[in-house]
Amino acid sequence: MPAWCLAYDVGTAASLAWLMKHEPRANHARHQSLGAFHGFLLAAGNASTCYPAALLYLRNPSPRTEASVSWIVVNIHRIMILSGVLTMTMVYAALAPEAALRSTFGESMSGPVADIVVRNWGALIALVGAMLIYGARKPAVRPMALTVAGASKAIFVALVLSHGGQFLGYQAGIAVLIDVLWVVVFVAYLLSVRRAPTGDLKIGSVGTA
């Protein structure tokens, strides 16, 4: 099993294990959402032949999972800054679209339409990175920034994996691994904060660094 695949399994399964342990069974709506999330992971895992390892980890969750989620909540502003800076490096695609495509996917496109689309793609990803950095400094907009960034990264991962391993030997493979980890971290934070009492919502703000 590829290393990126194992990391995907462990990261997603750890998040699910924590959620299944701590979400009250009486909360039907949340468990429906958790079930949908589990179904998404199953579909993605079947496409990438990774899910069996996730199932094994889910049956034997690490006792450190809860502590890991707490660490994420406390340090979310630092995590967002790091993720934002890394995400903003895709501005490279706006400046050198053909070179960015070759390094990321091993292929290139030509023509004025391709030039516009790729440059715009790079600029939009860089803006998502800037939004993460802004959200790190502004707790009030943090949930929206994490939701948009997480959705963007999840879509990218799904699109790349929909082609099997065709692009995983290039920088796209590294991007998939990193983005999966970011999505797991973002989801863990958002659900943890949603369950937290109102008085605890400032956890992870810049003032607590």
Protein backbone atom coordinates (compact mmCIF):
# COMPACT_ATOMS: atom_id res chain seq x y z
CA MET A 1 0.00 0.00 0.00
CA PRO A 2 1.46 3.43 -0.90
CA ALA A 3 2.55 5.66 1.98
CA TRP A 4 0.16 8.44 0.98
CA CYS A 5 -2.66 5.88 1.00
CA LEU A 6 -1.87 4.70 4.52
CA ALA A 7 -1.68 8.29 5.75
CA TYR A 8 -5.07 8.96 4.17
CA ASP A 9 -6.55 5.95 5.96
CA VAL A 10 -5.10 6.77 9.35
CA GLY A 11 -6.03 10.45 9.20
CA THR A 12 -9.63 9.95 8.10
CA ALA A 13 -10.21 6.99 10.38
CA ALA A 14 -8.82 8.86 13.39
CA SER A 15 -11.25 11.68 12.78
CA LEU A 16 -14.17 9.28 12.43
CA ALA A 17 -13.17 7.35 15.53
CA TRP A 18 -13.16 10.49 17.64
CA LEU A 19 -16.51 11.65 16.27
CA MET A 20 -18.21 8.29 16.77
CA LYS A 21 -16.95 8.15 20.35
CA HIS A 22 -18.03 11.64 21.39
CA GLU A 23 -21.15 12.48 19.38
CA PRO A 24 -24.24 11.56 21.47
CA ARG A 25 -26.38 8.90 19.83
CA ALA A 26 -29.50 10.92 20.61
CA ASN A 27 -28.42 13.59 18.16
CA HIS A 28 -29.97 12.00 15.07
CA ALA A 29 -29.16 14.85 12.68
CA ARG A 30 -25.46 14.83 13.50
CA HIS A 31 -25.24 11.07 13.16
CA GLN A 32 -26.87 11.31 9.76
CA SER A 33 -24.13 13.76 8.75
CA LEU A 34 -21.49 11.45 10.20
CA GLY A 35 -22.96 8.56 8.25
CA ALA A 36 -22.83 10.60 5.05
CA PHE A 37 -19.20 11.51 5.76
CA HIS A 38 -18.43 7.82 6.40
CA GLY A 39 -20.07 6.96 3.07
CA PHE A 40 -17.93 9.54 1.28
CA LEU A 41 -14.79 8.04 2.77
CA LEU A 42 -15.92 4.56 1.75
CA ALA A 43 -16.46 5.70 -1.85
CA ALA A 44 -13.11 7.48 -1.97
CA GLY A 45 -11.42 4.52 -0.36
CA ASN A 46 -12.89 2.07 -2.86
CA ALA A 47 -11.67 4.28 -5.70
CA SER A 48 -8.15 4.38 -4.29
CA THR A 49 -8.08 0.85 -2.76
CA CYS A 50 -7.17 2.42 0.59
CA TYR A 51 -10.20 1.92 2.81
CA PRO A 52 -9.36 -1.48 4.42
CA ALA A 53 -6.60 0.09 6.48
CA ALA A 54 -9.01 2.79 7.64
CA LEU A 55 -11.50 0.16 8.81
CA LEU A 56 -8.82 -1.62 10.84
CA TYR A 57 -7.79 1.64 12.49
CA LEU A 58 -11.41 2.60 13.16
CA ARG A 59 -12.03 -0.64 15.07
CA ASN A 60 -9.03 0.06 17.29
CA PRO A 61 -8.91 3.86 17.71
CA SER A 62 -5.86 5.35 19.36
CA PRO A 63 -6.38 6.65 22.92
CA ARG A 64 -4.52 9.78 21.84
CA THR A 65 -7.19 10.77 19.32
CA GLU A 66 -9.12 13.00 21.71
CA ALA A 67 -5.95 14.75 22.85
CA SER A 68 -4.99 15.31 19.22
CA VAL A 69 -8.30 17.01 18.48
CA SER A 70 -7.92 19.20 21.56
CA TRP A 71 -4.45 20.20 20.34
CA ILE A 72 -5.94 21.12 16.96
CA VAL A 73 -8.54 23.36 18.61
CA VAL A 74 -5.95 25.18 20.72
CA ASN A 75 -3.53 25.67 17.82
CA ILE A 76 -5.98 26.21 14.96
CA HIS A 77 -4.71 29.73 14.23
CA ARG A 78 -1.18 28.43 13.70
CA ILE A 79 -2.50 25.56 11.60
CA MET A 80 -4.51 27.95 9.43
CA ILE A 81 -1.51 30.21 8.85
CA LEU A 82 0.65 27.26 7.83
CA SER A 83 -2.05 25.86 5.55
CA GLY A 84 -2.71 29.31 4.10
CA VAL A 85 0.93 29.93 3.29
CA LEU A 86 1.29 26.54 1.60
CA THR A 87 -1.95 27.06 -0.32
CA MET A 88 -0.85 30.48 -1.53
CA THR A 89 2.19 28.95 -3.22
CA MET A 90 -0.21 27.96 -6.02
CA VAL A 91 -0.01 31.56 -7.17
CA TYR A 92 2.81 30.03 -9.19
CA ALA A 93 0.14 28.68 -11.57
CA ALA A 94 -1.08 32.23 -12.19
CA LEU A 95 2.43 33.38 -13.04
CA ALA A 96 3.70 30.37 -14.99
CA PRO A 97 0.68 28.26 -15.98
CA GLU A 98 2.39 25.82 -18.32
CA ALA A 99 5.25 25.08 -15.94
CA ALA A 100 2.81 24.67 -13.04
CA LEU A 101 0.72 22.14 -14.97
CA ARG A 102 3.76 20.09 -15.98
CA SER A 103 5.14 19.94 -12.44
CA THR A 104 1.75 19.18 -10.88
CA PHE A 105 0.23 16.77 -13.41
CA GLY A 106 3.06 15.86 -15.75
CA GLU A 107 1.09 17.28 -18.67
CA SER A 108 0.38 20.68 -20.12
CA MET A 109 -2.26 22.58 -22.07
CA SER A 110 -1.81 25.25 -24.69
CA GLY A 111 -3.82 28.06 -26.19
CA PRO A 112 -5.34 31.28 -24.88
CA VAL A 113 -8.31 29.52 -23.19
CA ALA A 114 -6.02 27.18 -21.27
CA ASP A 115 -3.86 30.14 -20.28
CA ILE A 116 -6.86 32.01 -18.86
CA VAL A 117 -8.31 29.00 -17.04
CA VAL A 118 -5.05 27.90 -15.42
CA ARG A 119 -4.06 31.41 -14.38
CA ASN A 120 -7.50 31.95 -12.88
CA TRP A 121 -7.28 28.56 -11.11
CA GLY A 122 -3.96 29.52 -9.55
CA ALA A 123 -5.26 32.91 -8.46
CA LEU A 124 -8.38 31.40 -6.87
CA ILE A 125 -6.35 28.86 -4.91
CA ALA A 126 -4.04 31.63 -3.71
CA LEU A 127 -7.09 33.59 -2.56
CA VAL A 128 -8.27 30.57 -0.57
CA GLY A 129 -4.86 30.56 1.12
CA ALA A 130 -5.17 34.26 1.88
CA MET A 131 -8.63 33.62 3.36
CA LEU A 132 -7.17 30.98 5.69
CA ILE A 133 -4.54 33.42 6.91
CA TYR A 134 -7.19 36.11 7.43
CA GLY A 135 -9.42 33.64 9.29
CA ALA A 136 -6.52 32.71 11.55
CA ARG A 137 -6.45 36.32 12.73
CA LYS A 138 -10.25 36.73 12.85
CA PRO A 139 -12.00 33.98 14.87
CA ALA A 140 -15.43 35.26 13.81
CA VAL A 141 -14.83 34.28 10.16
CA ARG A 142 -12.81 31.16 10.94
CA PRO A 143 -15.65 28.64 10.37
CA MET A 144 -16.46 30.06 6.94
CA ALA A 145 -12.79 30.14 5.92
CA LEU A 146 -12.24 26.55 7.02
CA THR A 147 -15.44 25.35 5.36
CA VAL A 148 -14.64 26.95 1.99
CA ALA A 149 -10.99 25.87 2.07
CA GLY A 150 -11.87 22.35 3.19
CA ALA A 151 -14.50 21.96 0.47
CA SER A 152 -12.08 23.25 -2.17
CA LYS A 153 -9.37 20.82 -1.08
CA ALA A 154 -11.80 17.88 -0.87
CA ILE A 155 -13.03 18.54 -4.41
CA PHE A 156 -9.45 18.66 -5.70
CA VAL A 157 -8.63 15.37 -3.96
CA ALA A 158 -11.74 13.68 -5.36
CA LEU A 159 -11.00 14.89 -8.89
CA VAL A 160 -7.39 13.69 -8.80
CA LEU A 161 -8.32 10.30 -7.32
CA SER A 162 -11.08 9.87 -9.90
CA HIS A 163 -8.27 9.29 -12.41
CA GLY A 164 -6.70 6.58 -10.28
CA GLY A 165 -2.94 6.87 -9.92
CA GLN A 166 -2.37 8.71 -13.19
CA PHE A 167 -1.22 11.94 -11.53
CA LEU A 168 -0.01 10.66 -8.16
CA GLY A 169 3.58 10.32 -9.33
CA TYR A 170 3.82 14.07 -9.77
CA GLN A 171 3.33 16.96 -7.35
CA ALA A 172 -0.41 16.30 -7.47
CA GLY A 173 0.22 13.17 -5.37
CA ILE A 174 1.90 15.22 -2.65
CA ALA A 175 -0.89 17.79 -2.86
CA VAL A 176 -3.52 15.07 -2.41
CA LEU A 177 -1.82 13.73 0.71
CA ILE A 178 -1.44 17.17 2.27
CA ASP A 179 -4.96 18.28 1.35
CA VAL A 180 -6.52 15.13 2.84
CA LEU A 181 -4.74 15.84 6.11
CA TRP A 182 -5.91 19.48 6.05
CA VAL A 183 -9.51 18.40 5.40
CA VAL A 184 -9.42 15.99 8.35
CA VAL A 185 -7.98 18.70 10.61
CA PHE A 186 -10.53 21.29 9.48
CA VAL A 187 -13.48 18.90 9.96
CA ALA A 188 -12.25 17.86 13.40
CA TYR A 189 -11.95 21.51 14.46
CA LEU A 190 -15.33 22.60 13.08
CA LEU A 191 -17.23 19.74 14.71
CA SER A 192 -15.37 20.14 17.99
CA VAL A 193 -16.09 23.87 18.18
CA ARG A 194 -19.72 23.27 17.23
CA ARG A 195 -20.10 21.04 20.27
CA ALA A 196 -18.20 23.38 22.62
CA PRO A 197 -20.03 25.65 25.10
CA THR A 198 -20.32 29.30 24.07
CA GLY A 199 -17.72 30.33 26.60
CA ASP A 200 -15.11 28.12 24.98
CA LEU A 201 -15.45 29.44 21.43
CA LYS A 202 -12.41 31.69 21.75
CA ILE A 203 -10.12 28.68 22.07
CA GLY A 204 -7.42 28.87 19.48
CA SER A 205 -7.72 32.62 19.00
CA VAL A 206 -4.61 34.66 18.41
CA GLY A 207 -4.86 36.02 21.94
CA THR A 208 -4.32 32.55 23.41
CA ALA A 209 -1.13 31.85 21.45
